[in-house]
Amino acid sequence: MPETEVILFSEDDGSVPLLAWLDKLPAKAQDKCIVKIERLAAVGHELRRPEADFLRDGVYELRVSLQGIHYRVLYFFQGTIAVISHGLIKASKVPPEEIDLAIDRKFRFAKNPARHTHQG
């Protein structure tokens, strides 16, 4: 199976929500999130629980846990490309407003992929 291209969502001002979030995490949590993103690239749509899960409206989560803290990386697919929206630390479940934010980014990305693709 060919690798899935994974890109990071970029806001209109050029900021990249996932990178800003990762920068605030402890190094070990950053590393685990990056490994999970690499798994997404390797497996794409085939990634399932416990590593990933479907939330709603085309939004998925990468699931990372470390020392009792649950990190989530929200993403969606645009054709065969996986687009990472942002990350969060969750309590009991992913808050609906976080999913709504990813859905909004999904629609904005679909309208103008070039504008919302991080060039890193």
PDB file of N, CA and C in Angstrom:
ATOM      1  N   MET A   1       0.855  -1.184   0.000  1.00  0.00           N
ATOM      2  CA  MET A   1       0.000   0.000   0.000  1.00  0.00           C
ATOM      3  C   MET A   1       0.898   1.244   0.000  1.00  0.00           C
ATOM      4  N   PRO A   2       0.635   2.185  -0.905  1.00  0.00           N
ATOM      5  CA  PRO A   2       1.445   3.404  -0.953  1.00  0.00           C
ATOM      6  C   PRO A   2       1.204   4.263   0.280  1.00  0.00           C
ATOM      7  N   GLU A   3       2.221   5.035   0.636  1.00  0.00           N
ATOM      8  CA  GLU A   3       2.075   5.921   1.782  1.00  0.00           C
ATOM      9  C   GLU A   3       1.036   7.003   1.499  1.00  0.00           C
ATOM     10  N   THR A   4       0.397   7.467   2.564  1.00  0.00           N
ATOM     11  CA  THR A   4      -0.561   8.557   2.494  1.00  0.00           C
ATOM     12  C   THR A   4       0.189   9.863   2.709  1.00  0.00           C
ATOM     13  N   GLU A   5      -0.045  10.824   1.833  1.00  0.00           N
ATOM     14  CA  GLU A   5       0.561  12.136   2.041  1.00  0.00           C
ATOM     15  C   GLU A   5      -0.135  12.800   3.229  1.00  0.00           C
ATOM     16  N   VAL A   6       0.646  13.298   4.161  1.00  0.00           N
ATOM     17  CA  VAL A   6       0.116  13.982   5.338  1.00  0.00           C
ATOM     18  C   VAL A   6       0.609  15.423   5.289  1.00  0.00           C
ATOM     19  N   ILE A   7      -0.330  16.358   5.366  1.00  0.00           N
ATOM     20  CA  ILE A   7       0.039  17.770   5.385  1.00  0.00           C
ATOM     21  C   ILE A   7      -0.569  18.437   6.613  1.00  0.00           C
ATOM     22  N   LEU A   8      -0.016  19.574   6.976  1.00  0.00           N
ATOM     23  CA  LEU A   8      -0.500  20.326   8.121  1.00  0.00           C
ATOM     24  C   LEU A   8      -1.327  21.507   7.656  1.00  0.00           C
ATOM     25  N   PHE A   9      -2.465  21.696   8.307  1.00  0.00           N
ATOM     26  CA  PHE A   9      -3.336  22.821   8.001  1.00  0.00           C
ATOM     27  C   PHE A   9      -2.661  24.113   8.433  1.00  0.00           C
ATOM     28  N   SER A  10      -2.756  25.129   7.589  1.00  0.00           N
ATOM     29  CA  SER A  10      -2.216  26.451   7.873  1.00  0.00           C
ATOM     30  C   SER A  10      -3.354  27.474   7.842  1.00  0.00           C
ATOM     31  N   GLU A  11      -3.377  28.344   8.831  1.00  0.00           N
ATOM     32  CA  GLU A  11      -4.392  29.405   8.879  1.00  0.00           C
ATOM     33  C   GLU A  11      -4.072  30.476   7.835  1.00  0.00           C
ATOM     34  N   ASP A  12      -5.006  31.393   7.638  1.00  0.00           N
ATOM     35  CA  ASP A  12      -4.822  32.475   6.671  1.00  0.00           C
ATOM     36  C   ASP A  12      -3.565  33.298   6.951  1.00  0.00           C
ATOM     37  N   ASP A  13      -3.217  33.435   8.234  1.00  0.00           N
ATOM     38  CA  ASP A  13      -2.038  34.233   8.600  1.00  0.00           C
ATOM     39  C   ASP A  13      -0.735  33.437   8.522  1.00  0.00           C
ATOM     40  N   GLY A  14      -0.827  32.180   8.093  1.00  0.00           N
ATOM     41  CA  GLY A  14       0.364  31.347   7.965  1.00  0.00           C
ATOM     42  C   GLY A  14       0.694  30.529   9.200  1.00  0.00           C
ATOM     43  N   SER A  15      -0.022  30.751  10.290  1.00  0.00           N
ATOM     44  CA  SER A  15       0.241  29.965  11.504  1.00  0.00           C
ATOM     45  C   SER A  15      -0.237  28.528  11.301  1.00  0.00           C
ATOM     46  N   VAL A  16       0.421  27.616  11.984  1.00  0.00           N
ATOM     47  CA  VAL A  16       0.108  26.187  11.858  1.00  0.00           C
ATOM     48  C   VAL A  16      -0.315  25.691  13.244  1.00  0.00           C
ATOM     49  N   PRO A  17      -1.624  25.481  13.449  1.00  0.00           N
ATOM     50  CA  PRO A  17      -2.126  25.122  14.774  1.00  0.00           C
ATOM     51  C   PRO A  17      -1.443  23.901  15.395  1.00  0.00           C
ATOM     52  N   LEU A  18      -1.173  22.870  14.615  1.00  0.00           N
ATOM     53  CA  LEU A  18      -0.554  21.680  15.191  1.00  0.00           C
ATOM     54  C   LEU A  18       0.849  21.987  15.717  1.00  0.00           C
ATOM     55  N   LEU A  19       1.628  22.723  14.961  1.00  0.00           N
ATOM     56  CA  LEU A  19       2.994  23.031  15.396  1.00  0.00           C
ATOM     57  C   LEU A  19       3.003  23.892  16.655  1.00  0.00           C
ATOM     58  N   ALA A  20       2.102  24.853  16.738  1.00  0.00           N
ATOM     59  CA  ALA A  20       1.998  25.703  17.927  1.00  0.00           C
ATOM     60  C   ALA A  20       1.654  24.857  19.153  1.00  0.00           C
ATOM     61  N   TRP A  21       0.760  23.892  18.970  1.00  0.00           N
ATOM     62  CA  TRP A  21       0.354  23.011  20.067  1.00  0.00           C
ATOM     63  C   TRP A  21       1.492  22.081  20.468  1.00  0.00           C
ATOM     64  N   LEU A  22       2.135  21.457  19.488  1.00  0.00           N
ATOM     65  CA  LEU A  22       3.238  20.540  19.785  1.00  0.00           C
ATOM     66  C   LEU A  22       4.355  21.236  20.558  1.00  0.00           C
ATOM     67  N   ASP A  23       4.642  22.486  20.211  1.00  0.00           N
ATOM     68  CA  ASP A  23       5.714  23.232  20.877  1.00  0.00           C
ATOM     69  C   ASP A  23       5.489  23.364  22.383  1.00  0.00           C
ATOM     70  N   LYS A  24       4.239  23.283  22.824  1.00  0.00           N
ATOM     71  CA  LYS A  24       3.913  23.447  24.236  1.00  0.00           C
ATOM     72  C   LYS A  24       3.967  22.135  25.012  1.00  0.00           C
ATOM     73  N   LEU A  25       4.110  21.012  24.306  1.00  0.00           N
ATOM     74  CA  LEU A  25       4.081  19.701  24.955  1.00  0.00           C
ATOM     75  C   LEU A  25       5.464  19.285  25.430  1.00  0.00           C
ATOM     76  N   PRO A  26       5.504  18.402  26.441  1.00  0.00           N
ATOM     77  CA  PRO A  26       6.791  17.818  26.836  1.00  0.00           C
ATOM     78  C   PRO A  26       7.392  17.037  25.659  1.00  0.00           C
ATOM     79  N   ALA A  27       8.711  16.938  25.627  1.00  0.00           N
ATOM     80  CA  ALA A  27       9.412  16.296  24.501  1.00  0.00           C
ATOM     81  C   ALA A  27       8.913  14.878  24.243  1.00  0.00           C
ATOM     82  N   LYS A  28       8.689  14.101  25.288  1.00  0.00           N
ATOM     83  CA  LYS A  28       8.259  12.709  25.103  1.00  0.00           C
ATOM     84  C   LYS A  28       6.862  12.645  24.469  1.00  0.00           C
ATOM     85  N   ALA A  29       5.975  13.563  24.853  1.00  0.00           N
ATOM     86  CA  ALA A  29       4.634  13.613  24.258  1.00  0.00           C
ATOM     87  C   ALA A  29       4.729  14.049  22.795  1.00  0.00           C
ATOM     88  N   GLN A  30       5.602  15.014  22.509  1.00  0.00           N
ATOM     89  CA  GLN A  30       5.827  15.423  21.115  1.00  0.00           C
ATOM     90  C   GLN A  30       6.263  14.227  20.280  1.00  0.00           C
ATOM     91  N   ASP A  31       7.236  13.485  20.807  1.00  0.00           N
ATOM     92  CA  ASP A  31       7.761  12.324  20.079  1.00  0.00           C
ATOM     93  C   ASP A  31       6.666  11.302  19.792  1.00  0.00           C
ATOM     94  N   LYS A  32       5.837  11.015  20.792  1.00  0.00           N
ATOM     95  CA  LYS A  32       4.769  10.025  20.592  1.00  0.00           C
ATOM     96  C   LYS A  32       3.749  10.512  19.554  1.00  0.00           C
ATOM     97  N   CYS A  33       3.439  11.800  19.569  1.00  0.00           N
ATOM     98  CA  CYS A  33       2.503  12.348  18.576  1.00  0.00           C
ATOM     99  C   CYS A  33       3.101  12.253  17.171  1.00  0.00           C
ATOM    100  N   ILE A  34       4.379  12.547  17.047  1.00  0.00           N
ATOM    101  CA  ILE A  34       5.036  12.473  15.735  1.00  0.00           C
ATOM    102  C   ILE A  34       5.057  11.043  15.217  1.00  0.00           C
ATOM    103  N   VAL A  35       5.318  10.081  16.093  1.00  0.00           N
ATOM    104  CA  VAL A  35       5.296   8.667  15.694  1.00  0.00           C
ATOM    105  C   VAL A  35       3.902   8.290  15.195  1.00  0.00           C
ATOM    106  N   LYS A  36       2.875   8.769  15.862  1.00  0.00           N
ATOM    107  CA  LYS A  36       1.497   8.458  15.448  1.00  0.00           C
ATOM    108  C   LYS A  36       1.182   9.090  14.096  1.00  0.00           C
ATOM    109  N   ILE A  37       1.686  10.294  13.845  1.00  0.00           N
ATOM    110  CA  ILE A  37       1.494  10.943  12.541  1.00  0.00           C
ATOM    111  C   ILE A  37       2.217  10.144  11.462  1.00  0.00           C
ATOM    112  N   GLU A  38       3.388   9.622  11.790  1.00  0.00           N
ATOM    113  CA  GLU A  38       4.112   8.771  10.837  1.00  0.00           C
ATOM    114  C   GLU A  38       3.330   7.495  10.536  1.00  0.00           C
ATOM    115  N   ARG A  39       2.656   6.943  11.539  1.00  0.00           N
ATOM    116  CA  ARG A  39       1.792   5.770  11.317  1.00  0.00           C
ATOM    117  C   ARG A  39       0.637   6.122  10.383  1.00  0.00           C
ATOM    118  N   LEU A  40       0.063   7.305  10.555  1.00  0.00           N
ATOM    119  CA  LEU A  40      -1.003   7.759   9.660  1.00  0.00           C
ATOM    120  C   LEU A  40      -0.478   7.812   8.232  1.00  0.00           C
ATOM    121  N   ALA A  41       0.724   8.320   8.053  1.00  0.00           N
ATOM    122  CA  ALA A  41       1.322   8.387   6.714  1.00  0.00           C
ATOM    123  C   ALA A  41       1.516   6.989   6.132  1.00  0.00           C
ATOM    124  N   ALA A  42       1.894   6.045   6.962  1.00  0.00           N
ATOM    125  CA  ALA A  42       2.168   4.690   6.493  1.00  0.00           C
ATOM    126  C   ALA A  42       0.903   3.907   6.180  1.00  0.00           C
ATOM    127  N   VAL A  43      -0.153   4.127   6.962  1.00  0.00           N
ATOM    128  CA  VAL A  43      -1.347   3.282   6.868  1.00  0.00           C
ATOM    129  C   VAL A  43      -2.570   4.016   6.320  1.00  0.00           C
ATOM    130  N   GLY A  44      -2.639   5.335   6.484  1.00  0.00           N
ATOM    131  CA  GLY A  44      -3.741   6.133   5.952  1.00  0.00           C
ATOM    132  C   GLY A  44      -5.102   5.726   6.466  1.00  0.00           C
ATOM    133  N   HIS A  45      -6.027   5.524   5.537  1.00  0.00           N
ATOM    134  CA  HIS A  45      -7.421   5.187   5.878  1.00  0.00           C
ATOM    135  C   HIS A  45      -7.548   3.904   6.688  1.00  0.00           C
ATOM    136  N   GLU A  46      -6.544   3.065   6.663  1.00  0.00           N
ATOM    137  CA  GLU A  46      -6.604   1.773   7.356  1.00  0.00           C
ATOM    138  C   GLU A  46      -6.335   1.880   8.853  1.00  0.00           C
ATOM    139  N   LEU A  47      -5.885   3.019   9.333  1.00  0.00           N
ATOM    140  CA  LEU A  47      -5.574   3.190  10.750  1.00  0.00           C
ATOM    141  C   LEU A  47      -6.856   3.109  11.568  1.00  0.00           C
ATOM    142  N   ARG A  48      -6.854   2.273  12.593  1.00  0.00           N
ATOM    143  CA  ARG A  48      -8.047   2.032  13.418  1.00  0.00           C
ATOM    144  C   ARG A  48      -7.696   2.124  14.904  1.00  0.00           C
ATOM    145  N   ARG A  49      -8.740   1.961  15.741  1.00  0.00           N
ATOM    146  CA  ARG A  49      -8.550   1.909  17.189  1.00  0.00           C
ATOM    147  C   ARG A  49      -7.605   0.777  17.521  1.00  0.00           C
ATOM    148  N   PRO A  50      -6.752   0.962  18.473  1.00  0.00           N
ATOM    149  CA  PRO A  50      -6.704   2.058  19.438  1.00  0.00           C
ATOM    150  C   PRO A  50      -5.882   3.265  18.973  1.00  0.00           C
ATOM    151  N   GLU A  51      -5.279   3.193  17.785  1.00  0.00           N
ATOM    152  CA  GLU A  51      -4.414   4.287  17.331  1.00  0.00           C
ATOM    153  C   GLU A  51      -5.181   5.495  16.812  1.00  0.00           C
ATOM    154  N   ALA A  52      -6.326   5.270  16.216  1.00  0.00           N
ATOM    155  CA  ALA A  52      -7.123   6.348  15.612  1.00  0.00           C
ATOM    156  C   ALA A  52      -8.597   6.002  15.750  1.00  0.00           C
ATOM    157  N   ASP A  53      -9.444   6.994  15.583  1.00  0.00           N
ATOM    158  CA  ASP A  53     -10.879   6.753  15.631  1.00  0.00           C
ATOM    159  C   ASP A  53     -11.595   7.832  14.828  1.00  0.00           C
ATOM    160  N   PHE A  54     -12.758   7.464  14.284  1.00  0.00           N
ATOM    161  CA  PHE A  54     -13.622   8.410  13.584  1.00  0.00           C
ATOM    162  C   PHE A  54     -14.443   9.153  14.621  1.00  0.00           C
ATOM    163  N   LEU A  55     -14.509  10.482  14.512  1.00  0.00           N
ATOM    164  CA  LEU A  55     -15.320  11.268  15.433  1.00  0.00           C
ATOM    165  C   LEU A  55     -16.685  11.559  14.819  1.00  0.00           C
ATOM    166  N   ARG A  56     -16.711  12.440  13.806  1.00  0.00           N
ATOM    167  CA  ARG A  56     -17.947  12.728  13.069  1.00  0.00           C
ATOM    168  C   ARG A  56     -17.639  13.658  11.903  1.00  0.00           C
ATOM    169  N   ASP A  57     -18.539  13.686  10.934  1.00  0.00           N
ATOM    170  CA  ASP A  57     -18.473  14.627   9.812  1.00  0.00           C
ATOM    171  C   ASP A  57     -17.105  14.660   9.121  1.00  0.00           C
ATOM    172  N   GLY A  58     -16.517  13.474   8.956  1.00  0.00           N
ATOM    173  CA  GLY A  58     -15.248  13.385   8.249  1.00  0.00           C
ATOM    174  C   GLY A  58     -14.018  13.717   9.073  1.00  0.00           C
ATOM    175  N   VAL A  59     -14.187  13.897  10.376  1.00  0.00           N
ATOM    176  CA  VAL A  59     -13.057  14.228  11.255  1.00  0.00           C
ATOM    177  C   VAL A  59     -12.668  12.984  12.059  1.00  0.00           C
ATOM    178  N   TYR A  60     -11.365  12.748  12.104  1.00  0.00           N
ATOM    179  CA  TYR A  60     -10.791  11.618  12.830  1.00  0.00           C
ATOM    180  C   TYR A  60      -9.851  12.137  13.903  1.00  0.00           C
ATOM    181  N   GLU A  61      -9.463  11.230  14.820  1.00  0.00           N
ATOM    182  CA  GLU A  61      -8.486  11.571  15.839  1.00  0.00           C
ATOM    183  C   GLU A  61      -7.389  10.527  15.875  1.00  0.00           C
ATOM    184  N   LEU A  62      -6.153  10.999  16.020  1.00  0.00           N
ATOM    185  CA  LEU A  62      -5.045  10.131  16.388  1.00  0.00           C
ATOM    186  C   LEU A  62      -5.029  10.120  17.904  1.00  0.00           C
ATOM    187  N   ARG A  63      -4.854   8.931  18.473  1.00  0.00           N
ATOM    188  CA  ARG A  63      -4.958   8.761  19.920  1.00  0.00           C
ATOM    189  C   ARG A  63      -3.586   8.459  20.519  1.00  0.00           C
ATOM    190  N   VAL A  64      -3.128   9.334  21.390  1.00  0.00           N
ATOM    191  CA  VAL A  64      -1.840   9.179  22.049  1.00  0.00           C
ATOM    192  C   VAL A  64      -2.054   9.359  23.552  1.00  0.00           C
ATOM    193  N   SER A  65      -1.511   8.435  24.331  1.00  0.00           N
ATOM    194  CA  SER A  65      -1.586   8.561  25.792  1.00  0.00           C
ATOM    195  C   SER A  65      -0.192   8.442  26.371  1.00  0.00           C
ATOM    196  N   LEU A  66       0.062   9.246  27.386  1.00  0.00           N
ATOM    197  CA  LEU A  66       1.351   9.226  28.058  1.00  0.00           C
ATOM    198  C   LEU A  66       1.140   9.665  29.493  1.00  0.00           C
ATOM    199  N   GLN A  67       1.520   8.811  30.426  1.00  0.00           N
ATOM    200  CA  GLN A  67       1.426   9.108  31.850  1.00  0.00           C
ATOM    201  C   GLN A  67       0.042   9.607  32.248  1.00  0.00           C
ATOM    202  N   GLY A  68      -0.979   8.936  31.744  1.00  0.00           N
ATOM    203  CA  GLY A  68      -2.361   9.255  32.102  1.00  0.00           C
ATOM    204  C   GLY A  68      -2.947  10.469  31.398  1.00  0.00           C
ATOM    205  N   ILE A  69      -2.193  11.086  30.510  1.00  0.00           N
ATOM    206  CA  ILE A  69      -2.695  12.244  29.752  1.00  0.00           C
ATOM    207  C   ILE A  69      -3.050  11.771  28.354  1.00  0.00           C
ATOM    208  N   HIS A  70      -4.227  12.176  27.887  1.00  0.00           N
ATOM    209  CA  HIS A  70      -4.719  11.758  26.574  1.00  0.00           C
ATOM    210  C   HIS A  70      -4.579  12.899  25.572  1.00  0.00           C
ATOM    211  N   TYR A  71      -3.643  12.726  24.659  1.00  0.00           N
ATOM    212  CA  TYR A  71      -3.398  13.694  23.595  1.00  0.00           C
ATOM    213  C   TYR A  71      -4.166  13.250  22.359  1.00  0.00           C
ATOM    214  N   ARG A  72      -4.760  14.200  21.659  1.00  0.00           N
ATOM    215  CA  ARG A  72      -5.491  13.882  20.437  1.00  0.00           C
ATOM    216  C   ARG A  72      -5.052  14.832  19.328  1.00  0.00           C
ATOM    217  N   VAL A  73      -4.865  14.263  18.134  1.00  0.00           N
ATOM    218  CA  VAL A  73      -4.522  15.040  16.944  1.00  0.00           C
ATOM    219  C   VAL A  73      -5.680  14.847  15.975  1.00  0.00           C
ATOM    220  N   LEU A  74      -6.385  15.931  15.659  1.00  0.00           N
ATOM    221  CA  LEU A  74      -7.552  15.850  14.784  1.00  0.00           C
ATOM    222  C   LEU A  74      -7.123  16.041  13.334  1.00  0.00           C
ATOM    223  N   TYR A  75      -7.720  15.224  12.463  1.00  0.00           N
ATOM    224  CA  TYR A  75      -7.379  15.285  11.042  1.00  0.00           C
ATOM    225  C   TYR A  75      -8.581  14.896  10.199  1.00  0.00           C
ATOM    226  N   PHE A  76      -8.461  15.157   8.904  1.00  0.00           N
ATOM    227  CA  PHE A  76      -9.494  14.793   7.939  1.00  0.00           C
ATOM    228  C   PHE A  76      -8.805  14.423   6.645  1.00  0.00           C
ATOM    229  N   PHE A  77      -9.561  13.817   5.757  1.00  0.00           N
ATOM    230  CA  PHE A  77      -9.007  13.448   4.459  1.00  0.00           C
ATOM    231  C   PHE A  77      -9.563  14.361   3.379  1.00  0.00           C
ATOM    232  N   GLN A  78      -8.688  14.756   2.477  1.00  0.00           N
ATOM    233  CA  GLN A  78      -9.067  15.476   1.259  1.00  0.00           C
ATOM    234  C   GLN A  78      -8.592  14.569   0.135  1.00  0.00           C
ATOM    235  N   GLY A  79      -9.518  13.774  -0.392  1.00  0.00           N
ATOM    236  CA  GLY A  79      -9.127  12.752  -1.355  1.00  0.00           C
ATOM    237  C   GLY A  79      -8.239  11.742  -0.658  1.00  0.00           C
ATOM    238  N   THR A  80      -7.034  11.541  -1.165  1.00  0.00           N
ATOM    239  CA  THR A  80      -6.114  10.584  -0.552  1.00  0.00           C
ATOM    240  C   THR A  80      -5.143  11.241   0.419  1.00  0.00           C
ATOM    241  N   ILE A  81      -5.250  12.549   0.595  1.00  0.00           N
ATOM    242  CA  ILE A  81      -4.347  13.293   1.470  1.00  0.00           C
ATOM    243  C   ILE A  81      -4.968  13.414   2.865  1.00  0.00           C
ATOM    244  N   ALA A  82      -4.160  13.159   3.897  1.00  0.00           N
ATOM    245  CA  ALA A  82      -4.591  13.388   5.278  1.00  0.00           C
ATOM    246  C   ALA A  82      -4.131  14.783   5.684  1.00  0.00           C
ATOM    247  N   VAL A  83      -5.068  15.604   6.147  1.00  0.00           N
ATOM    248  CA  VAL A  83      -4.765  16.971   6.559  1.00  0.00           C
ATOM    249  C   VAL A  83      -4.938  17.057   8.073  1.00  0.00           C
ATOM    250  N   ILE A  84      -3.877  17.427   8.767  1.00  0.00           N
ATOM    251  CA  ILE A  84      -3.938  17.531  10.221  1.00  0.00           C
ATOM    252  C   ILE A  84      -4.401  18.931  10.599  1.00  0.00           C
ATOM    253  N   SER A  85      -5.502  18.975  11.339  1.00  0.00           N
ATOM    254  CA  SER A  85      -6.097  20.241  11.750  1.00  0.00           C
ATOM    255  C   SER A  85      -5.374  20.827  12.962  1.00  0.00           C
ATOM    256  N   HIS A  86      -5.390  20.101  14.070  1.00  0.00           N
ATOM    257  CA  HIS A  86      -4.801  20.610  15.307  1.00  0.00           C
ATOM    258  C   HIS A  86      -4.761  19.507  16.358  1.00  0.00           C
ATOM    259  N   GLY A  87      -4.169  19.832  17.490  1.00  0.00           N
ATOM    260  CA  GLY A  87      -4.085  18.879  18.590  1.00  0.00           C
ATOM    261  C   GLY A  87      -4.709  19.445  19.843  1.00  0.00           C
ATOM    262  N   LEU A  88      -4.986  18.545  20.794  1.00  0.00           N
ATOM    263  CA  LEU A  88      -5.572  18.952  22.062  1.00  0.00           C
ATOM    264  C   LEU A  88      -5.307  17.886  23.109  1.00  0.00           C
ATOM    265  N   ILE A  89      -5.489  18.271  24.355  1.00  0.00           N
ATOM    266  CA  ILE A  89      -5.461  17.320  25.457  1.00  0.00           C
ATOM    267  C   ILE A  89      -6.912  17.168  25.890  1.00  0.00           C
ATOM    268  N   LYS A  90      -7.356  15.911  25.980  1.00  0.00           N
ATOM    269  CA  LYS A  90      -8.773  15.706  26.283  1.00  0.00           C
ATOM    270  C   LYS A  90      -8.963  15.152  27.683  1.00  0.00           C
ATOM    271  N   ALA A  91     -10.155  15.364  28.199  1.00  0.00           N
ATOM    272  CA  ALA A  91     -10.532  14.782  29.489  1.00  0.00           C
ATOM    273  C   ALA A  91     -11.301  13.493  29.185  1.00  0.00           C
ATOM    274  N   SER A  92     -12.616  13.528  29.260  1.00  0.00           N
ATOM    275  CA  SER A  92     -13.387  12.313  29.026  1.00  0.00           C
ATOM    276  C   SER A  92     -13.690  12.081  27.547  1.00  0.00           C
ATOM    277  N   LYS A  93     -13.899  13.148  26.799  1.00  0.00           N
ATOM    278  CA  LYS A  93     -14.139  13.010  25.364  1.00  0.00           C
ATOM    279  C   LYS A  93     -13.697  14.288  24.660  1.00  0.00           C
ATOM    280  N   VAL A  94     -13.535  14.185  23.345  1.00  0.00           N
ATOM    281  CA  VAL A  94     -13.140  15.363  22.574  1.00  0.00           C
ATOM    282  C   VAL A  94     -14.309  16.355  22.586  1.00  0.00           C
ATOM    283  N   PRO A  95     -14.079  17.578  23.029  1.00  0.00           N
ATOM    284  CA  PRO A  95     -15.165  18.559  23.080  1.00  0.00           C
ATOM    285  C   PRO A  95     -15.745  18.830  21.683  1.00  0.00           C
ATOM    286  N   PRO A  96     -17.070  18.968  21.593  1.00  0.00           N
ATOM    287  CA  PRO A  96     -17.713  19.219  20.299  1.00  0.00           C
ATOM    288  C   PRO A  96     -17.155  20.439  19.573  1.00  0.00           C
ATOM    289  N   GLU A  97     -16.759  21.491  20.323  1.00  0.00           N
ATOM    290  CA  GLU A  97     -16.243  22.689  19.665  1.00  0.00           C
ATOM    291  C   GLU A  97     -14.902  22.417  18.989  1.00  0.00           C
ATOM    292  N   GLU A  98     -14.139  21.463  19.494  1.00  0.00           N
ATOM    293  CA  GLU A  98     -12.876  21.095  18.840  1.00  0.00           C
ATOM    294  C   GLU A  98     -13.149  20.369  17.518  1.00  0.00           C
ATOM    295  N   ILE A  99     -14.156  19.519  17.519  1.00  0.00           N
ATOM    296  CA  ILE A  99     -14.546  18.831  16.285  1.00  0.00           C
ATOM    297  C   ILE A  99     -15.088  19.849  15.288  1.00  0.00           C
ATOM    298  N   ASP A 100     -15.906  20.793  15.779  1.00  0.00           N
ATOM    299  CA  ASP A 100     -16.448  21.841  14.907  1.00  0.00           C
ATOM    300  C   ASP A 100     -15.328  22.668  14.271  1.00  0.00           C
ATOM    301  N   LEU A 101     -14.284  22.951  15.041  1.00  0.00           N
ATOM    302  CA  LEU A 101     -13.144  23.700  14.516  1.00  0.00           C
ATOM    303  C   LEU A 101     -12.476  22.919  13.382  1.00  0.00           C
ATOM    304  N   ALA A 102     -12.295  21.616  13.576  1.00  0.00           N
ATOM    305  CA  ALA A 102     -11.698  20.782  12.527  1.00  0.00           C
ATOM    306  C   ALA A 102     -12.593  20.735  11.291  1.00  0.00           C
ATOM    307  N   ILE A 103     -13.906  20.691  11.488  1.00  0.00           N
ATOM    308  CA  ILE A 103     -14.851  20.685  10.362  1.00  0.00           C
ATOM    309  C   ILE A 103     -14.750  22.000   9.589  1.00  0.00           C
ATOM    310  N   ASP A 104     -14.670  23.117  10.317  1.00  0.00           N
ATOM    311  CA  ASP A 104     -14.508  24.416   9.670  1.00  0.00           C
ATOM    312  C   ASP A 104     -13.228  24.443   8.838  1.00  0.00           C
ATOM    313  N   ARG A 105     -12.157  23.937   9.405  1.00  0.00           N
ATOM    314  CA  ARG A 105     -10.890  23.900   8.669  1.00  0.00           C
ATOM    315  C   ARG A 105     -10.982  22.971   7.464  1.00  0.00           C
ATOM    316  N   LYS A 106     -11.729  21.902   7.589  1.00  0.00           N
ATOM    317  CA  LYS A 106     -11.910  20.973   6.467  1.00  0.00           C
ATOM    318  C   LYS A 106     -12.584  21.693   5.294  1.00  0.00           C
ATOM    319  N   PHE A 107     -13.617  22.462   5.572  1.00  0.00           N
ATOM    320  CA  PHE A 107     -14.316  23.200   4.514  1.00  0.00           C
ATOM    321  C   PHE A 107     -13.415  24.277   3.908  1.00  0.00           C
ATOM    322  N   ARG A 108     -12.683  24.991   4.763  1.00  0.00           N
ATOM    323  CA  ARG A 108     -11.777  26.029   4.248  1.00  0.00           C
ATOM    324  C   ARG A 108     -10.666  25.421   3.405  1.00  0.00           C
ATOM    325  N   PHE A 109     -10.155  24.276   3.823  1.00  0.00           N
ATOM    326  CA  PHE A 109      -9.110  23.604   3.051  1.00  0.00           C
ATOM    327  C   PHE A 109      -9.647  23.172   1.690  1.00  0.00           C
ATOM    328  N   ALA A 110     -10.849  22.625   1.665  1.00  0.00           N
ATOM    329  CA  ALA A 110     -11.434  22.158   0.411  1.00  0.00           C
ATOM    330  C   ALA A 110     -11.610  23.300  -0.586  1.00  0.00           C
ATOM    331  N   LYS A 111     -11.916  24.503  -0.091  1.00  0.00           N
ATOM    332  CA  LYS A 111     -12.103  25.662  -0.968  1.00  0.00           C
ATOM    333  C   LYS A 111     -10.794  26.177  -1.544  1.00  0.00           C
ATOM    334  N   ASN A 112      -9.710  26.083  -0.755  1.00  0.00           N
ATOM    335  CA  ASN A 112      -8.432  26.634  -1.201  1.00  0.00           C
ATOM    336  C   ASN A 112      -7.271  25.847  -0.582  1.00  0.00           C
ATOM    337  N   PRO A 113      -6.987  24.645  -1.103  1.00  0.00           N
ATOM    338  CA  PRO A 113      -5.925  23.825  -0.526  1.00  0.00           C
ATOM    339  C   PRO A 113      -4.567  24.515  -0.481  1.00  0.00           C
ATOM    340  N   ALA A 114      -4.208  25.238  -1.521  1.00  0.00           N
ATOM    341  CA  ALA A 114      -2.887  25.867  -1.561  1.00  0.00           C
ATOM    342  C   ALA A 114      -2.715  26.875  -0.417  1.00  0.00           C
ATOM    343  N   ARG A 115      -3.764  27.628  -0.143  1.00  0.00           N
ATOM    344  CA  ARG A 115      -3.701  28.653   0.892  1.00  0.00           C
ATOM    345  C   ARG A 115      -3.574  28.041   2.292  1.00  0.00           C
ATOM    346  N   HIS A 116      -4.126  26.846   2.466  1.00  0.00           N
ATOM    347  CA  HIS A 116      -4.187  26.236   3.806  1.00  0.00           C
ATOM    348  C   HIS A 116      -3.243  25.050   3.967  1.00  0.00           C
ATOM    349  N   THR A 117      -2.234  24.955   3.117  1.00  0.00           N
ATOM    350  CA  THR A 117      -1.233  23.897   3.227  1.00  0.00           C
ATOM    351  C   THR A 117       0.054  24.502   3.772  1.00  0.00           C
ATOM    352  N   HIS A 118       0.523  23.960   4.879  1.00  0.00           N
ATOM    353  CA  HIS A 118       1.783  24.427   5.462  1.00  0.00           C
ATOM    354  C   HIS A 118       2.942  24.017   4.553  1.00  0.00           C
ATOM    355  N   GLN A 119       3.743  24.975   4.220  1.00  0.00           N
ATOM    356  CA  GLN A 119       4.931  24.722   3.394  1.00  0.00           C
ATOM    357  C   GLN A 119       6.139  24.688   4.323  1.00  0.00           C
ATOM    358  N   GLY A 120       6.442  23.512   4.846  1.00  0.00           N
ATOM    359  CA  GLY A 120       7.523  23.416   5.822  1.00  0.00           C
ATOM    360  C   GLY A 120       8.646  22.745   5.284  1.00  0.00           C
TER     361      GLY A 120
END
